[in-house]
């Protein structure tokens, strides 16, 4: 398999809240429609589409994960320094996200934290 592109589709309950959250964190919008809001992540512009849950559930032909009870996937975002990770933790909380773990050193030379967006999608902020 040699796909032309890969992106992610996640379910959300409120497009305005999701748009406000990722905009507040400084991610670049990739467009908005009645069914989704989309953002670009990282230097290579990885696309994450955030679809209204009922739209995505119908397209996936099955139930969606309840992110308040289980993890569906965790994305990792690379920080350039421990200071940047600390700043991002504050930005996440100010934007309405939930810190699952506080910024901390772990392992040998690793630093970071885990957060959830307003719909419970988890991200690992990581510096090494």
N, C-alpha and C. Protein backbone atom coordinates (compact mmCIF):
# COMPACT_ATOMS: atom_id res chain seq x y z
N UNK A 1 0.85 -1.17 0.00
CA UNK A 1 0.00 0.00 0.00
C UNK A 1 0.90 1.24 0.00
N UNK A 2 0.57 2.19 -0.83
CA UNK A 2 1.31 3.45 -0.91
C UNK A 2 0.30 4.59 -1.01
N UNK A 3 -0.32 4.97 0.14
CA UNK A 3 -1.37 5.99 0.08
C UNK A 3 -0.83 7.36 -0.29
N UNK A 4 -1.67 8.11 -0.97
CA UNK A 4 -1.33 9.48 -1.36
C UNK A 4 -1.24 10.37 -0.12
N UNK A 5 -2.13 10.09 0.86
CA UNK A 5 -2.18 10.93 2.05
C UNK A 5 -2.85 10.16 3.17
N UNK A 6 -2.61 10.57 4.41
CA UNK A 6 -3.31 10.02 5.56
C UNK A 6 -3.73 11.18 6.46
N UNK A 7 -4.92 11.07 7.05
CA UNK A 7 -5.39 12.08 7.99
C UNK A 7 -6.26 11.37 9.02
N UNK A 8 -6.71 12.13 9.99
CA UNK A 8 -7.51 11.57 11.07
C UNK A 8 -8.89 12.20 11.07
N UNK A 9 -9.90 11.41 11.44
CA UNK A 9 -11.27 11.89 11.62
C UNK A 9 -11.69 11.56 13.05
N UNK A 10 -12.07 12.58 13.81
CA UNK A 10 -12.50 12.40 15.20
C UNK A 10 -13.90 12.96 15.38
N UNK A 11 -14.64 12.36 16.30
CA UNK A 11 -16.02 12.78 16.58
C UNK A 11 -16.04 13.83 17.69
N UNK A 12 -16.88 14.85 17.50
CA UNK A 12 -17.07 15.90 18.50
C UNK A 12 -18.55 16.21 18.64
N UNK A 13 -18.90 16.85 19.74
CA UNK A 13 -20.30 17.18 19.97
C UNK A 13 -20.64 18.62 19.64
N UNK A 14 -19.63 19.49 19.56
CA UNK A 14 -19.88 20.92 19.36
C UNK A 14 -18.78 21.52 18.48
N UNK A 15 -19.11 21.82 17.23
CA UNK A 15 -18.10 22.35 16.29
C UNK A 15 -17.56 23.70 16.71
N UNK A 16 -18.41 24.57 17.24
CA UNK A 16 -17.92 25.89 17.68
C UNK A 16 -16.92 25.75 18.80
N UNK A 17 -17.24 24.92 19.79
CA UNK A 17 -16.32 24.71 20.93
C UNK A 17 -14.99 24.14 20.45
N UNK A 18 -15.05 23.16 19.56
CA UNK A 18 -13.83 22.54 19.03
C UNK A 18 -13.02 23.55 18.23
N UNK A 19 -13.68 24.33 17.39
CA UNK A 19 -12.98 25.37 16.61
C UNK A 19 -12.32 26.37 17.53
N UNK A 20 -13.04 26.82 18.55
CA UNK A 20 -12.48 27.79 19.50
C UNK A 20 -11.28 27.22 20.23
N UNK A 21 -11.36 25.95 20.65
CA UNK A 21 -10.28 25.32 21.40
C UNK A 21 -8.99 25.24 20.58
N UNK A 22 -9.06 24.69 19.38
CA UNK A 22 -7.85 24.51 18.58
C UNK A 22 -7.34 25.84 18.02
N UNK A 23 -8.22 26.78 17.79
CA UNK A 23 -7.79 28.12 17.37
C UNK A 23 -7.03 28.79 18.51
N UNK A 24 -7.54 28.66 19.74
CA UNK A 24 -6.87 29.26 20.90
C UNK A 24 -5.47 28.68 21.11
N UNK A 25 -5.27 27.42 20.72
CA UNK A 25 -3.95 26.80 20.85
C UNK A 25 -3.03 27.15 19.68
N UNK A 26 -3.55 27.87 18.70
CA UNK A 26 -2.71 28.34 17.60
C UNK A 26 -2.62 27.42 16.40
N UNK A 27 -3.46 26.40 16.33
CA UNK A 27 -3.43 25.52 15.17
C UNK A 27 -4.13 26.20 14.00
N UNK A 28 -3.65 25.91 12.79
CA UNK A 28 -4.16 26.56 11.59
C UNK A 28 -5.41 25.84 11.08
N UNK A 29 -6.45 26.62 10.85
CA UNK A 29 -7.70 26.05 10.34
C UNK A 29 -7.49 25.50 8.94
N UNK A 30 -8.13 24.37 8.68
CA UNK A 30 -8.12 23.75 7.36
C UNK A 30 -9.52 23.78 6.75
N UNK A 31 -10.38 24.62 7.33
CA UNK A 31 -11.72 24.76 6.80
C UNK A 31 -12.79 24.35 7.77
N UNK A 32 -14.01 24.73 7.44
CA UNK A 32 -15.16 24.47 8.30
C UNK A 32 -16.38 24.30 7.41
N UNK A 33 -17.23 23.37 7.78
CA UNK A 33 -18.52 23.18 7.09
C UNK A 33 -19.59 22.97 8.15
N UNK A 34 -20.77 22.61 7.73
CA UNK A 34 -21.84 22.33 8.69
C UNK A 34 -21.59 21.04 9.47
N UNK A 35 -20.75 20.14 8.93
CA UNK A 35 -20.52 18.83 9.53
C UNK A 35 -19.17 18.68 10.22
N UNK A 36 -18.21 19.55 9.90
CA UNK A 36 -16.87 19.37 10.46
C UNK A 36 -16.12 20.68 10.56
N UNK A 37 -15.10 20.65 11.43
CA UNK A 37 -14.08 21.68 11.49
C UNK A 37 -12.76 20.95 11.37
N UNK A 38 -11.80 21.53 10.68
CA UNK A 38 -10.57 20.82 10.35
C UNK A 38 -9.37 21.70 10.67
N UNK A 39 -8.29 21.07 11.16
CA UNK A 39 -7.08 21.80 11.51
C UNK A 39 -5.85 21.08 10.99
N UNK A 40 -4.77 21.86 10.80
CA UNK A 40 -3.48 21.36 10.37
C UNK A 40 -2.54 21.34 11.58
N UNK A 41 -1.81 20.23 11.74
CA UNK A 41 -0.93 20.03 12.89
C UNK A 41 0.50 19.77 12.43
N UNK A 42 1.45 20.46 13.02
CA UNK A 42 2.86 20.19 12.81
C UNK A 42 3.41 20.74 11.50
N UNK A 43 4.71 20.55 11.32
CA UNK A 43 5.42 21.07 10.16
C UNK A 43 4.94 20.47 8.85
N UNK A 44 4.39 19.25 8.91
CA UNK A 44 3.96 18.58 7.68
C UNK A 44 2.45 18.68 7.47
N UNK A 45 1.81 19.54 8.28
CA UNK A 45 0.37 19.81 8.13
C UNK A 45 -0.49 18.55 8.16
N UNK A 46 -0.28 17.72 9.21
CA UNK A 46 -1.15 16.57 9.40
C UNK A 46 -2.58 17.08 9.63
N UNK A 47 -3.53 16.53 8.91
CA UNK A 47 -4.91 16.99 8.96
C UNK A 47 -5.69 16.17 9.98
N UNK A 48 -6.38 16.89 10.87
CA UNK A 48 -7.36 16.25 11.73
C UNK A 48 -8.70 16.93 11.46
N UNK A 49 -9.65 16.12 10.97
CA UNK A 49 -11.03 16.57 10.78
C UNK A 49 -11.80 16.22 12.06
N UNK A 50 -12.53 17.18 12.58
CA UNK A 50 -13.39 16.96 13.73
C UNK A 50 -14.83 17.01 13.23
N UNK A 51 -15.44 15.83 13.08
CA UNK A 51 -16.81 15.71 12.57
C UNK A 51 -17.80 15.70 13.73
N UNK A 52 -19.00 16.20 13.48
CA UNK A 52 -20.06 15.99 14.45
C UNK A 52 -20.24 14.49 14.63
N UNK A 53 -20.42 14.08 15.86
CA UNK A 53 -20.46 12.65 16.19
C UNK A 53 -21.47 11.87 15.36
N UNK A 54 -22.68 12.40 15.21
CA UNK A 54 -23.70 11.63 14.48
C UNK A 54 -23.34 11.45 13.01
N UNK A 55 -22.67 12.42 12.43
CA UNK A 55 -22.22 12.32 11.03
C UNK A 55 -21.15 11.25 10.89
N UNK A 56 -20.15 11.29 11.78
CA UNK A 56 -19.05 10.33 11.69
C UNK A 56 -19.53 8.92 12.05
N UNK A 57 -20.38 8.82 13.03
CA UNK A 57 -20.89 7.51 13.44
C UNK A 57 -21.63 6.83 12.29
N UNK A 58 -22.43 7.59 11.57
CA UNK A 58 -23.15 7.03 10.42
C UNK A 58 -22.17 6.56 9.35
N UNK A 59 -21.15 7.37 9.08
CA UNK A 59 -20.17 7.02 8.05
C UNK A 59 -19.34 5.80 8.43
N UNK A 60 -19.07 5.62 9.74
CA UNK A 60 -18.25 4.51 10.21
C UNK A 60 -19.06 3.23 10.42
N UNK A 61 -20.38 3.34 10.29
CA UNK A 61 -21.27 2.17 10.39
C UNK A 61 -21.16 1.48 11.74
N UNK A 62 -21.01 2.28 12.81
CA UNK A 62 -20.95 1.68 14.14
C UNK A 62 -20.80 2.72 15.22
N UNK A 63 -20.83 2.25 16.45
CA UNK A 63 -20.72 3.14 17.61
C UNK A 63 -19.34 3.78 17.70
N UNK A 64 -19.32 4.98 18.24
CA UNK A 64 -18.08 5.70 18.48
C UNK A 64 -17.67 5.48 19.93
N UNK A 65 -16.39 5.54 20.22
CA UNK A 65 -15.87 5.39 21.57
C UNK A 65 -16.35 6.51 22.47
N UNK A 66 -16.68 6.18 23.70
CA UNK A 66 -17.00 7.19 24.70
C UNK A 66 -15.67 7.61 25.32
N UNK A 67 -15.15 8.76 24.89
CA UNK A 67 -13.82 9.20 25.30
C UNK A 67 -13.75 9.60 26.77
N UNK A 68 -14.89 9.70 27.45
CA UNK A 68 -14.86 9.97 28.89
C UNK A 68 -14.55 8.70 29.67
N UNK A 69 -14.67 7.52 29.01
CA UNK A 69 -14.45 6.24 29.68
C UNK A 69 -13.28 5.44 29.13
N UNK A 70 -12.85 5.76 27.91
CA UNK A 70 -11.77 4.97 27.31
C UNK A 70 -11.00 5.83 26.31
N UNK A 71 -9.83 5.36 25.95
CA UNK A 71 -9.00 6.05 24.97
C UNK A 71 -9.26 5.47 23.59
N UNK A 72 -9.38 6.35 22.59
CA UNK A 72 -9.53 5.86 21.24
C UNK A 72 -8.17 5.85 20.54
N UNK A 73 -7.39 6.87 20.79
CA UNK A 73 -6.06 7.04 20.20
C UNK A 73 -5.39 8.16 20.97
N UNK A 74 -4.08 8.18 20.97
CA UNK A 74 -3.40 9.33 21.56
C UNK A 74 -2.39 9.84 20.53
N UNK A 75 -2.50 11.12 20.24
CA UNK A 75 -1.56 11.77 19.33
C UNK A 75 -0.44 12.36 20.16
N UNK A 76 0.76 12.37 19.62
CA UNK A 76 1.89 12.98 20.32
C UNK A 76 2.30 14.24 19.57
N UNK A 77 2.46 15.31 20.34
CA UNK A 77 2.90 16.60 19.81
C UNK A 77 4.28 16.88 20.38
N UNK A 78 5.25 17.11 19.51
CA UNK A 78 6.63 17.34 19.95
C UNK A 78 6.83 18.78 20.39
N UNK A 79 7.35 18.94 21.60
CA UNK A 79 7.74 20.27 22.11
C UNK A 79 9.23 20.44 21.90
N UNK A 80 9.65 21.68 21.69
CA UNK A 80 11.07 21.95 21.44
C UNK A 80 11.88 22.06 22.72
N UNK A 81 11.20 22.25 23.87
CA UNK A 81 11.89 22.39 25.16
C UNK A 81 10.93 22.08 26.29
N UNK A 82 11.47 21.88 27.47
CA UNK A 82 10.61 21.68 28.64
C UNK A 82 9.82 22.96 28.93
N UNK A 83 10.44 24.10 28.70
CA UNK A 83 9.74 25.37 28.91
C UNK A 83 8.54 25.50 27.98
N UNK A 84 8.72 25.09 26.72
CA UNK A 84 7.61 25.15 25.78
C UNK A 84 6.49 24.20 26.22
N UNK A 85 6.83 23.02 26.69
CA UNK A 85 5.83 22.08 27.20
C UNK A 85 5.05 22.71 28.36
N UNK A 86 5.76 23.36 29.27
CA UNK A 86 5.10 24.03 30.40
C UNK A 86 4.15 25.12 29.92
N UNK A 87 4.58 25.90 28.94
CA UNK A 87 3.73 26.97 28.39
C UNK A 87 2.50 26.38 27.73
N UNK A 88 2.68 25.30 26.98
CA UNK A 88 1.54 24.68 26.30
C UNK A 88 0.53 24.13 27.31
N UNK A 89 1.01 23.60 28.42
CA UNK A 89 0.09 23.10 29.45
C UNK A 89 -0.83 24.22 29.93
N UNK A 90 -0.26 25.38 30.15
CA UNK A 90 -1.06 26.54 30.58
C UNK A 90 -2.04 26.95 29.48
N UNK A 91 -1.60 26.93 28.22
CA UNK A 91 -2.47 27.29 27.10
C UNK A 91 -3.63 26.31 26.96
N UNK A 92 -3.35 25.03 27.14
CA UNK A 92 -4.39 24.01 27.04
C UNK A 92 -5.48 24.27 28.08
N UNK A 93 -5.08 24.51 29.31
CA UNK A 93 -6.07 24.76 30.37
C UNK A 93 -6.84 26.05 30.10
N UNK A 94 -6.15 27.09 29.67
CA UNK A 94 -6.81 28.37 29.40
C UNK A 94 -7.82 28.24 28.26
N UNK A 95 -7.55 27.33 27.32
CA UNK A 95 -8.44 27.14 26.16
C UNK A 95 -9.62 26.22 26.48
N UNK A 96 -9.61 25.59 27.65
CA UNK A 96 -10.72 24.72 28.03
C UNK A 96 -10.40 23.23 27.98
N UNK A 97 -9.13 22.90 27.79
CA UNK A 97 -8.73 21.50 27.80
C UNK A 97 -8.49 21.02 29.22
N UNK A 98 -8.33 19.71 29.39
CA UNK A 98 -8.11 19.12 30.71
C UNK A 98 -6.74 18.45 30.74
N UNK A 99 -5.91 18.83 31.72
CA UNK A 99 -4.63 18.15 31.88
C UNK A 99 -4.89 16.81 32.55
N UNK A 100 -4.50 15.74 31.89
CA UNK A 100 -4.61 14.40 32.44
C UNK A 100 -3.43 14.15 33.35
N UNK A 101 -2.28 14.69 32.99
CA UNK A 101 -1.09 14.65 33.84
C UNK A 101 -0.39 16.00 33.74
N UNK A 102 0.20 16.42 34.83
CA UNK A 102 0.96 17.66 34.86
C UNK A 102 2.29 17.46 34.13
N UNK A 103 2.88 18.53 33.59
CA UNK A 103 4.21 18.39 32.98
C UNK A 103 5.20 17.82 33.99
N UNK A 104 5.95 16.82 33.53
CA UNK A 104 6.89 16.16 34.43
C UNK A 104 7.98 15.44 33.64
N UNK A 105 9.11 15.22 34.32
CA UNK A 105 10.20 14.42 33.75
C UNK A 105 9.85 12.95 33.98
N UNK A 106 10.18 12.12 33.00
CA UNK A 106 9.96 10.68 33.15
C UNK A 106 10.96 9.96 32.27
N UNK A 107 11.22 8.71 32.62
CA UNK A 107 12.20 7.94 31.86
C UNK A 107 13.56 8.61 31.90
N UNK A 108 14.34 8.37 30.90
CA UNK A 108 15.68 8.94 30.82
C UNK A 108 15.68 10.06 29.78
N UNK A 109 15.57 11.30 30.25
CA UNK A 109 15.62 12.45 29.36
C UNK A 109 14.32 12.83 28.70
N UNK A 110 13.20 12.36 29.23
CA UNK A 110 11.90 12.67 28.65
C UNK A 110 11.13 13.63 29.55
N UNK A 111 10.28 14.45 28.94
CA UNK A 111 9.49 15.43 29.69
C UNK A 111 8.19 15.66 28.93
N UNK A 112 7.10 15.81 29.65
CA UNK A 112 5.86 16.10 28.95
C UNK A 112 4.64 15.94 29.82
N UNK A 113 3.48 15.96 29.17
CA UNK A 113 2.20 15.83 29.85
C UNK A 113 1.17 15.31 28.86
N UNK A 114 0.04 14.90 29.41
CA UNK A 114 -1.07 14.42 28.59
C UNK A 114 -2.26 15.34 28.85
N UNK A 115 -2.96 15.69 27.77
CA UNK A 115 -4.17 16.48 27.93
C UNK A 115 -5.28 15.92 27.06
N UNK A 116 -6.50 16.31 27.42
CA UNK A 116 -7.68 15.95 26.64
C UNK A 116 -8.36 17.23 26.16
N UNK A 117 -8.81 17.21 24.92
CA UNK A 117 -9.57 18.35 24.41
C UNK A 117 -10.98 18.30 25.00
N UNK A 118 -11.84 19.27 24.71
CA UNK A 118 -13.17 19.28 25.32
C UNK A 118 -14.03 18.05 25.03
N UNK A 119 -13.69 17.26 24.00
CA UNK A 119 -14.44 16.04 23.71
C UNK A 119 -13.72 14.79 24.21
N UNK A 120 -12.61 14.97 24.91
CA UNK A 120 -11.90 13.83 25.49
C UNK A 120 -10.83 13.21 24.62
N UNK A 121 -10.56 13.78 23.45
CA UNK A 121 -9.49 13.25 22.60
C UNK A 121 -8.15 13.61 23.24
N UNK A 122 -7.29 12.61 23.38
CA UNK A 122 -6.05 12.79 24.14
C UNK A 122 -4.84 13.07 23.26
N UNK A 123 -4.00 13.93 23.82
CA UNK A 123 -2.74 14.31 23.18
C UNK A 123 -1.64 14.20 24.22
N UNK A 124 -0.51 13.71 23.80
CA UNK A 124 0.68 13.60 24.61
C UNK A 124 1.66 14.67 24.13
N UNK A 125 2.00 15.61 24.97
CA UNK A 125 3.02 16.60 24.63
C UNK A 125 4.33 16.04 25.15
N UNK A 126 5.33 16.02 24.29
CA UNK A 126 6.54 15.23 24.56
C UNK A 126 7.79 16.03 24.15
N UNK A 127 8.76 16.09 25.06
CA UNK A 127 10.07 16.65 24.74
C UNK A 127 11.13 15.63 25.15
N UNK A 128 12.10 15.41 24.27
CA UNK A 128 13.22 14.52 24.61
C UNK A 128 14.51 15.09 24.11
